[in-house]
Amino acid sequence: MWSFVHSKKQQRWLWHAIDHDSGVVLAYVLAEHQDEAFIRLKALL
């Protein structure tokens, strides 16, 4: 899922981890669409 703030040059992606069985959101990060965002999300788990 993505959005932008004031201009498309400032795009942000919602990275989220969801428990498959319960549907509960385990963690989320709002960041640019880069590998560092995934690493931040993984660190929260």
C-alpha atoms as a PDB file:
ATOM      1  CA  MET A   1       0.000   0.000   0.000  1.00  0.00           C
ATOM      2  CA  TRP A   2       1.423   3.423  -0.834  1.00  0.00           C
ATOM      3  CA  SER A   3       0.583   7.098  -0.583  1.00  0.00           C
ATOM      4  CA  PHE A   4       2.259  10.439  -1.117  1.00  0.00           C
ATOM      5  CA  VAL A   5       2.472  13.670   0.859  1.00  0.00           C
ATOM      6  CA  HIS A   6       1.948  16.870  -1.156  1.00  0.00           C
ATOM      7  CA  SER A   7       3.734  15.472  -4.219  1.00  0.00           C
ATOM      8  CA  LYS A   8       4.478  12.130  -5.816  1.00  0.00           C
ATOM      9  CA  LYS A   9       8.178  12.738  -5.163  1.00  0.00           C
ATOM     10  CA  GLN A  10       7.471  12.054  -1.478  1.00  0.00           C
ATOM     11  CA  GLN A  11       5.950   8.588  -1.830  1.00  0.00           C
ATOM     12  CA  ARG A  12       5.661   6.448   1.292  1.00  0.00           C
ATOM     13  CA  TRP A  13       4.818   2.773   1.530  1.00  0.00           C
ATOM     14  CA  LEU A  14       3.075   0.986   4.368  1.00  0.00           C
ATOM     15  CA  TRP A  15       5.029  -2.188   5.096  1.00  0.00           C
ATOM     16  CA  HIS A  16       3.141  -4.529   7.413  1.00  0.00           C
ATOM     17  CA  ALA A  17       3.432  -8.036   8.817  1.00  0.00           C
ATOM     18  CA  ILE A  18       0.159  -9.870   9.429  1.00  0.00           C
ATOM     19  CA  ASP A  19      -0.339 -13.128  11.316  1.00  0.00           C
ATOM     20  CA  HIS A  20      -1.793 -15.516   8.744  1.00  0.00           C
ATOM     21  CA  ASP A  21      -3.988 -17.420  11.205  1.00  0.00           C
ATOM     22  CA  SER A  22      -5.470 -14.591  13.282  1.00  0.00           C
ATOM     23  CA  GLY A  23      -5.225 -11.657  10.863  1.00  0.00           C
ATOM     24  CA  VAL A  24      -3.594  -9.509  13.552  1.00  0.00           C
ATOM     25  CA  VAL A  25      -1.102  -6.857  12.404  1.00  0.00           C
ATOM     26  CA  LEU A  26       2.169  -7.768  14.121  1.00  0.00           C
ATOM     27  CA  ALA A  27       4.215  -4.732  13.060  1.00  0.00           C
ATOM     28  CA  TYR A  28       4.241  -1.954  10.492  1.00  0.00           C
ATOM     29  CA  VAL A  29       6.614   0.649   9.059  1.00  0.00           C
ATOM     30  CA  LEU A  30       5.738   3.714   6.991  1.00  0.00           C
ATOM     31  CA  ALA A  31       8.780   4.363   4.804  1.00  0.00           C
ATOM     32  CA  GLU A  32      10.165   4.655   1.301  1.00  0.00           C
ATOM     33  CA  HIS A  33      10.059   1.663  -1.034  1.00  0.00           C
ATOM     34  CA  GLN A  34      13.582   0.436  -0.304  1.00  0.00           C
ATOM     35  CA  ASP A  35      15.276  -2.555   1.301  1.00  0.00           C
ATOM     36  CA  GLU A  36      15.985  -0.580   4.489  1.00  0.00           C
ATOM     37  CA  ALA A  37      12.239  -0.414   5.189  1.00  0.00           C
ATOM     38  CA  PHE A  38      12.009  -4.206   5.116  1.00  0.00           C
ATOM     39  CA  ILE A  39      14.988  -4.479   7.444  1.00  0.00           C
ATOM     40  CA  ARG A  40      13.304  -2.071   9.899  1.00  0.00           C
ATOM     41  CA  LEU A  41      10.083  -4.108   9.754  1.00  0.00           C
ATOM     42  CA  LYS A  42      11.961  -7.359  10.285  1.00  0.00           C
ATOM     43  CA  ALA A  43      13.709  -5.878  13.349  1.00  0.00           C
ATOM     44  CA  LEU A  44      10.312  -5.141  14.924  1.00  0.00           C
ATOM     45  CA  LEU A  45       9.277  -8.791  14.740  1.00  0.00           C
END
